[in-house]
PDB file of all heavy atoms in Angstrom:
ATOM      1  N   ARG A   1      15.527 -14.457 -31.352  1.00  0.00           N
ATOM      2  CA  ARG A   1      15.275 -14.656 -32.784  1.00  0.00           C
ATOM      3  C   ARG A   1      13.796 -14.837 -33.064  1.00  0.00           C
ATOM      4  O   ARG A   1      13.284 -14.354 -34.082  1.00  0.00           O
ATOM      5  CB  ARG A   1      16.078 -15.854 -33.298  1.00  0.00           C
ATOM      6  CG  ARG A   1      17.581 -15.612 -33.334  1.00  0.00           C
ATOM      7  CD  ARG A   1      18.295 -16.734 -34.075  1.00  0.00           C
ATOM      8  NE  ARG A   1      17.935 -16.725 -35.490  1.00  0.00           N
ATOM      9  CZ  ARG A   1      17.542 -17.807 -36.164  1.00  0.00           C
ATOM     10  NH1 ARG A   1      17.416 -18.966 -35.550  1.00  0.00           N
ATOM     11  NH2 ARG A   1      17.252 -17.731 -37.446  1.00  0.00           N
ATOM     12  N   ILE A   2      13.089 -15.553 -32.203  1.00  0.00           N
ATOM     13  CA  ILE A   2      11.641 -15.720 -32.387  1.00  0.00           C
ATOM     14  C   ILE A   2      10.961 -14.361 -32.340  1.00  0.00           C
ATOM     15  O   ILE A   2      10.088 -14.053 -33.167  1.00  0.00           O
ATOM     16  CB  ILE A   2      11.051 -16.635 -31.298  1.00  0.00           C
ATOM     17  CG1 ILE A   2      11.697 -18.008 -31.318  1.00  0.00           C
ATOM     18  CG2 ILE A   2       9.526 -16.777 -31.491  1.00  0.00           C
ATOM     19  CD1 ILE A   2      11.424 -18.829 -30.070  1.00  0.00           C
ATOM     20  N   THR A   3      11.362 -13.535 -31.387  1.00  0.00           N
ATOM     21  CA  THR A   3      10.778 -12.201 -31.251  1.00  0.00           C
ATOM     22  C   THR A   3      10.950 -11.397 -32.530  1.00  0.00           C
ATOM     23  O   THR A   3      10.021 -10.737 -33.008  1.00  0.00           O
ATOM     24  CB  THR A   3      11.418 -11.460 -30.065  1.00  0.00           C
ATOM     25  OG1 THR A   3      11.147 -12.183 -28.859  1.00  0.00           O
ATOM     26  CG2 THR A   3      10.863 -10.050 -29.923  1.00  0.00           C
ATOM     27  N   GLY A   4      12.147 -11.445 -33.107  1.00  0.00           N
ATOM     28  CA  GLY A   4      12.398 -10.729 -34.350  1.00  0.00           C
ATOM     29  C   GLY A   4      11.565 -11.262 -35.497  1.00  0.00           C
ATOM     30  O   GLY A   4      11.022 -10.494 -36.302  1.00  0.00           O
ATOM     31  N   MET A   5      11.445 -12.576 -35.594  1.00  0.00           N
ATOM     32  CA  MET A   5      10.642 -13.177 -36.661  1.00  0.00           C
ATOM     33  C   MET A   5       9.179 -12.775 -36.552  1.00  0.00           C
ATOM     34  O   MET A   5       8.535 -12.398 -37.543  1.00  0.00           O
ATOM     35  CB  MET A   5      10.752 -14.709 -36.600  1.00  0.00           C
ATOM     36  CG  MET A   5      12.080 -15.266 -37.047  1.00  0.00           C
ATOM     37  SD  MET A   5      12.066 -17.076 -36.959  1.00  0.00           S
ATOM     38  CE  MET A   5      13.753 -17.428 -37.481  1.00  0.00           C
ATOM     39  N   VAL A   6       8.626 -12.869 -35.345  1.00  0.00           N
ATOM     40  CA  VAL A   6       7.212 -12.536 -35.141  1.00  0.00           C
ATOM     41  C   VAL A   6       6.969 -11.058 -35.425  1.00  0.00           C
ATOM     42  O   VAL A   6       5.956 -10.683 -36.034  1.00  0.00           O
ATOM     43  CB  VAL A   6       6.772 -12.911 -33.709  1.00  0.00           C
ATOM     44  CG1 VAL A   6       5.365 -12.403 -33.424  1.00  0.00           C
ATOM     45  CG2 VAL A   6       6.830 -14.422 -33.518  1.00  0.00           C
ATOM     46  N   GLU A   7       7.912 -10.211 -35.022  1.00  0.00           N
ATOM     47  CA  GLU A   7       7.759  -8.782 -35.274  1.00  0.00           C
ATOM     48  C   GLU A   7       7.750  -8.485 -36.766  1.00  0.00           C
ATOM     49  O   GLU A   7       6.913  -7.721 -37.266  1.00  0.00           O
ATOM     50  CB  GLU A   7       8.881  -8.010 -34.581  1.00  0.00           C
ATOM     51  CG  GLU A   7       8.773  -6.499 -34.719  1.00  0.00           C
ATOM     52  CD  GLU A   7       7.507  -5.935 -34.092  1.00  0.00           C
ATOM     53  OE1 GLU A   7       6.975  -6.554 -33.147  1.00  0.00           O
ATOM     54  OE2 GLU A   7       7.043  -4.873 -34.565  1.00  0.00           O
ATOM     55  N   ARG A   8       8.675  -9.090 -37.508  1.00  0.00           N
ATOM     56  CA  ARG A   8       8.714  -8.867 -38.964  1.00  0.00           C
ATOM     57  C   ARG A   8       7.486  -9.447 -39.650  1.00  0.00           C
ATOM     58  O   ARG A   8       6.970  -8.874 -40.629  1.00  0.00           O
ATOM     59  CB  ARG A   8       9.998  -9.466 -39.539  1.00  0.00           C
ATOM     60  CG  ARG A   8      11.268  -8.742 -39.077  1.00  0.00           C
ATOM     61  CD  ARG A   8      12.489  -9.199 -39.836  1.00  0.00           C
ATOM     62  NE  ARG A   8      12.852 -10.581 -39.601  1.00  0.00           N
ATOM     63  CZ  ARG A   8      13.595 -11.006 -38.579  1.00  0.00           C
ATOM     64  NH1 ARG A   8      14.046 -10.149 -37.682  1.00  0.00           N
ATOM     65  NH2 ARG A   8      13.900 -12.295 -38.447  1.00  0.00           N
ATOM     66  N   LEU A   9       7.003 -10.567 -39.150  1.00  0.00           N
ATOM     67  CA  LEU A   9       5.774 -11.165 -39.672  1.00  0.00           C
ATOM     68  C   LEU A   9       4.604 -10.200 -39.533  1.00  0.00           C
ATOM     69  O   LEU A   9       3.827  -9.987 -40.476  1.00  0.00           O
ATOM     70  CB  LEU A   9       5.485 -12.469 -38.917  1.00  0.00           C
ATOM     71  CG  LEU A   9       4.219 -13.240 -39.270  1.00  0.00           C
ATOM     72  CD1 LEU A   9       4.353 -13.902 -40.626  1.00  0.00           C
ATOM     73  CD2 LEU A   9       3.927 -14.296 -38.199  1.00  0.00           C
ATOM     74  N   CYS A  10       4.482  -9.579 -38.358  1.00  0.00           N
ATOM     75  CA  CYS A  10       3.383  -8.640 -38.107  1.00  0.00           C
ATOM     76  C   CYS A  10       3.545  -7.357 -38.916  1.00  0.00           C
ATOM     77  O   CYS A  10       2.564  -6.820 -39.459  1.00  0.00           O
ATOM     78  CB  CYS A  10       3.300  -8.313 -36.620  1.00  0.00           C
ATOM     79  SG  CYS A  10       2.820  -9.726 -35.590  1.00  0.00           S
ATOM     80  N   GLN A  11       4.746  -6.855 -39.001  1.00  0.00           N
ATOM     81  CA  GLN A  11       4.978  -5.628 -39.766  1.00  0.00           C
ATOM     82  C   GLN A  11       4.643  -5.801 -41.241  1.00  0.00           C
ATOM     83  O   GLN A  11       4.154  -4.879 -41.896  1.00  0.00           O
ATOM     84  CB  GLN A  11       6.442  -5.198 -39.616  1.00  0.00           C
ATOM     85  CG  GLN A  11       6.799  -4.669 -38.245  1.00  0.00           C
ATOM     86  CD  GLN A  11       8.283  -4.386 -38.109  1.00  0.00           C
ATOM     87  OE1 GLN A  11       9.086  -4.757 -38.967  1.00  0.00           O
ATOM     88  NE2 GLN A  11       8.671  -3.727 -37.028  1.00  0.00           N
ATOM     89  N   THR A  12       4.900  -6.984 -41.769  1.00  0.00           N
ATOM     90  CA  THR A  12       4.704  -7.223 -43.197  1.00  0.00           C
ATOM     91  C   THR A  12       3.274  -7.613 -43.544  1.00  0.00           C
ATOM     92  O   THR A  12       2.722  -7.170 -44.556  1.00  0.00           O
ATOM     93  CB  THR A  12       5.666  -8.324 -43.689  1.00  0.00           C
ATOM     94  OG1 THR A  12       7.016  -7.955 -43.352  1.00  0.00           O
ATOM     95  CG2 THR A  12       5.559  -8.514 -45.191  1.00  0.00           C
ATOM     96  N   PHE A  13       2.639  -8.425 -42.704  1.00  0.00           N
ATOM     97  CA  PHE A  13       1.328  -8.981 -43.053  1.00  0.00           C
ATOM     98  C   PHE A  13       0.189  -8.530 -42.133  1.00  0.00           C
ATOM     99  O   PHE A  13      -0.982  -8.799 -42.437  1.00  0.00           O
ATOM    100  CB  PHE A  13       1.405 -10.514 -43.033  1.00  0.00           C
ATOM    101  CG  PHE A  13       2.334 -11.092 -44.063  1.00  0.00           C
ATOM    102  CD1 PHE A  13       3.622 -11.476 -43.715  1.00  0.00           C
ATOM    103  CD2 PHE A  13       1.932 -11.235 -45.380  1.00  0.00           C
ATOM    104  CE1 PHE A  13       4.485 -12.017 -44.654  1.00  0.00           C
ATOM    105  CE2 PHE A  13       2.787 -11.764 -46.336  1.00  0.00           C
ATOM    106  CZ  PHE A  13       4.068 -12.154 -45.977  1.00  0.00           C
ATOM    107  N   GLY A  14       0.515  -7.890 -41.014  1.00  0.00           N
ATOM    108  CA  GLY A  14      -0.526  -7.492 -40.075  1.00  0.00           C
ATOM    109  C   GLY A  14      -1.030  -6.073 -40.328  1.00  0.00           C
ATOM    110  O   GLY A  14      -0.313  -5.250 -40.907  1.00  0.00           O
ATOM    111  N   PRO A  15      -2.243  -5.758 -39.892  1.00  0.00           N
ATOM    112  CA  PRO A  15      -2.778  -4.400 -40.068  1.00  0.00           C
ATOM    113  C   PRO A  15      -2.039  -3.400 -39.178  1.00  0.00           C
ATOM    114  O   PRO A  15      -1.758  -3.692 -38.011  1.00  0.00           O
ATOM    115  CB  PRO A  15      -4.245  -4.541 -39.634  1.00  0.00           C
ATOM    116  CG  PRO A  15      -4.230  -5.699 -38.680  1.00  0.00           C
ATOM    117  CD  PRO A  15      -3.196  -6.644 -39.192  1.00  0.00           C
ATOM    118  N   ARG A  16      -1.734  -2.249 -39.735  1.00  0.00           N
ATOM    119  CA  ARG A  16      -1.053  -1.215 -38.956  1.00  0.00           C
ATOM    120  C   ARG A  16      -2.054  -0.570 -38.009  1.00  0.00           C
ATOM    121  O   ARG A  16      -3.126  -0.127 -38.421  1.00  0.00           O
ATOM    122  CB  ARG A  16      -0.451  -0.147 -39.874  1.00  0.00           C
ATOM    123  CG  ARG A  16       0.500   0.817 -39.182  1.00  0.00           C
ATOM    124  CD  ARG A  16       1.086   1.794 -40.203  1.00  0.00           C
ATOM    125  NE  ARG A  16       2.164   2.580 -39.663  1.00  0.00           N
ATOM    126  CZ  ARG A  16       2.003   3.684 -38.925  1.00  0.00           C
ATOM    127  NH1 ARG A  16       0.787   4.113 -38.653  1.00  0.00           N
ATOM    128  NH2 ARG A  16       3.058   4.352 -38.474  1.00  0.00           N
ATOM    129  N   LEU A  17      -1.727  -0.523 -36.737  1.00  0.00           N
ATOM    130  CA  LEU A  17      -2.630   0.031 -35.728  1.00  0.00           C
ATOM    131  C   LEU A  17      -2.331   1.494 -35.447  1.00  0.00           C
ATOM    132  O   LEU A  17      -3.196   2.346 -35.560  1.00  0.00           O
ATOM    133  CB  LEU A  17      -2.535  -0.800 -34.442  1.00  0.00           C
ATOM    134  CG  LEU A  17      -2.911  -2.285 -34.572  1.00  0.00           C
ATOM    135  CD1 LEU A  17      -2.702  -3.012 -33.255  1.00  0.00           C
ATOM    136  CD2 LEU A  17      -4.339  -2.448 -35.070  1.00  0.00           C
ATOM    137  N   LEU A  18      -1.091   1.792 -35.103  1.00  0.00           N
ATOM    138  CA  LEU A  18      -0.685   3.170 -34.839  1.00  0.00           C
ATOM    139  C   LEU A  18       0.816   3.211 -34.609  1.00  0.00           C
ATOM    140  O   LEU A  18       1.485   2.181 -34.576  1.00  0.00           O
ATOM    141  CB  LEU A  18      -1.444   3.750 -33.630  1.00  0.00           C
ATOM    142  CG  LEU A  18      -1.455   2.967 -32.301  1.00  0.00           C
ATOM    143  CD1 LEU A  18      -0.173   3.148 -31.517  1.00  0.00           C
ATOM    144  CD2 LEU A  18      -2.630   3.402 -31.444  1.00  0.00           C
ATOM    145  N   GLN A  19       1.330   4.429 -34.453  1.00  0.00           N
ATOM    146  CA  GLN A  19       2.754   4.611 -34.179  1.00  0.00           C
ATOM    147  C   GLN A  19       2.919   5.422 -32.911  1.00  0.00           C
ATOM    148  O   GLN A  19       2.258   6.441 -32.711  1.00  0.00           O
ATOM    149  CB  GLN A  19       3.449   5.327 -35.342  1.00  0.00           C
ATOM    150  CG  GLN A  19       4.952   5.507 -35.127  1.00  0.00           C
ATOM    151  CD  GLN A  19       5.680   5.904 -36.386  1.00  0.00           C
ATOM    152  OE1 GLN A  19       5.318   5.455 -37.481  1.00  0.00           O
ATOM    153  NE2 GLN A  19       6.704   6.732 -36.258  1.00  0.00           N
ATOM    154  N   LEU A  20       3.802   4.963 -32.042  1.00  0.00           N
ATOM    155  CA  LEU A  20       4.163   5.676 -30.820  1.00  0.00           C
ATOM    156  C   LEU A  20       5.644   6.009 -30.889  1.00  0.00           C
ATOM    157  O   LEU A  20       6.473   5.104 -31.036  1.00  0.00           O
ATOM    158  CB  LEU A  20       3.866   4.823 -29.582  1.00  0.00           C
ATOM    159  CG  LEU A  20       2.421   4.370 -29.399  1.00  0.00           C
ATOM    160  CD1 LEU A  20       2.299   3.456 -28.185  1.00  0.00           C
ATOM    161  CD2 LEU A  20       1.487   5.571 -29.247  1.00  0.00           C
ATOM    162  N   ASP A  21       5.955   7.290 -30.774  1.00  0.00           N
ATOM    163  CA  ASP A  21       7.330   7.729 -30.999  1.00  0.00           C
ATOM    164  C   ASP A  21       7.771   7.201 -32.375  1.00  0.00           C
ATOM    165  O   ASP A  21       7.115   7.446 -33.361  1.00  0.00           O
ATOM    166  CB  ASP A  21       8.239   7.268 -29.859  1.00  0.00           C
ATOM    167  CG  ASP A  21       7.811   7.881 -28.525  1.00  0.00           C
ATOM    168  OD1 ASP A  21       7.560   9.100 -28.482  1.00  0.00           O
ATOM    169  OD2 ASP A  21       7.701   7.126 -27.535  1.00  0.00           O
ATOM    170  N   ASP A  22       8.834   6.418 -32.442  1.00  0.00           N
ATOM    171  CA  ASP A  22       9.285   5.898 -33.734  1.00  0.00           C
ATOM    172  C   ASP A  22       8.958   4.415 -33.905  1.00  0.00           C
ATOM    173  O   ASP A  22       9.515   3.738 -34.768  1.00  0.00           O
ATOM    174  CB  ASP A  22      10.786   6.114 -33.895  1.00  0.00           C
ATOM    175  CG  ASP A  22      11.588   5.414 -32.796  1.00  0.00           C
ATOM    176  OD1 ASP A  22      10.983   4.968 -31.799  1.00  0.00           O
ATOM    177  OD2 ASP A  22      12.823   5.319 -32.932  1.00  0.00           O
ATOM    178  N   VAL A  23       8.037   3.900 -33.098  1.00  0.00           N
ATOM    179  CA  VAL A  23       7.686   2.480 -33.138  1.00  0.00           C
ATOM    180  C   VAL A  23       6.292   2.307 -33.738  1.00  0.00           C
ATOM    181  O   VAL A  23       5.309   2.849 -33.211  1.00  0.00           O
ATOM    182  CB  VAL A  23       7.710   1.855 -31.727  1.00  0.00           C
ATOM    183  CG1 VAL A  23       7.362   0.373 -31.798  1.00  0.00           C
ATOM    184  CG2 VAL A  23       9.074   2.058 -31.075  1.00  0.00           C
ATOM    185  N   ALA A  24       6.202   1.565 -34.842  1.00  0.00           N
ATOM    186  CA  ALA A  24       4.913   1.256 -35.468  1.00  0.00           C
ATOM    187  C   ALA A  24       4.396  -0.071 -34.912  1.00  0.00           C
ATOM    188  O   ALA A  24       5.138  -1.054 -34.828  1.00  0.00           O
ATOM    189  CB  ALA A  24       5.067   1.170 -36.978  1.00  0.00           C
ATOM    190  N   TYR A  25       3.121  -0.086 -34.527  1.00  0.00           N
ATOM    191  CA  TYR A  25       2.507  -1.285 -33.970  1.00  0.00           C
ATOM    192  C   TYR A  25       1.508  -1.863 -34.969  1.00  0.00           C
ATOM    193  O   TYR A  25       0.727  -1.131 -35.579  1.00  0.00           O
ATOM    194  CB  TYR A  25       1.800  -0.961 -32.651  1.00  0.00           C
ATOM    195  CG  TYR A  25       2.761  -0.690 -31.516  1.00  0.00           C
ATOM    196  CD1 TYR A  25       3.242   0.597 -31.277  1.00  0.00           C
ATOM    197  CD2 TYR A  25       3.211  -1.729 -30.703  1.00  0.00           C
ATOM    198  CE1 TYR A  25       4.143   0.848 -30.247  1.00  0.00           C
ATOM    199  CE2 TYR A  25       4.103  -1.486 -29.669  1.00  0.00           C
ATOM    200  CZ  TYR A  25       4.569  -0.205 -29.444  1.00  0.00           C
ATOM    201  OH  TYR A  25       5.462   0.036 -28.425  1.00  0.00           O
ATOM    202  N   HIS A  26       1.547  -3.185 -35.107  1.00  0.00           N
ATOM    203  CA  HIS A  26       0.668  -3.892 -36.030  1.00  0.00           C
ATOM    204  C   HIS A  26      -0.095  -4.988 -35.302  1.00  0.00           C
ATOM    205  O   HIS A  26       0.411  -5.588 -34.346  1.00  0.00           O
ATOM    206  CB  HIS A  26       1.474  -4.526 -37.167  1.00  0.00           C
ATOM    207  CG  HIS A  26       2.151  -3.546 -38.062  1.00  0.00           C
ATOM    208  ND1 HIS A  26       3.289  -2.861 -37.682  1.00  0.00           N
ATOM    209  CD2 HIS A  26       1.857  -3.123 -39.318  1.00  0.00           C
ATOM    210  CE1 HIS A  26       3.665  -2.069 -38.665  1.00  0.00           C
ATOM    211  NE2 HIS A  26       2.817  -2.207 -39.668  1.00  0.00           N
TER     212      HIS A  26
END
């Protein structure tokens, strides 16, 4: 659950870095 929360936190408020395959990294 922590992993999911941190991931959603980054996706919503963090700068988008790039996308690999279908995964967006922030």
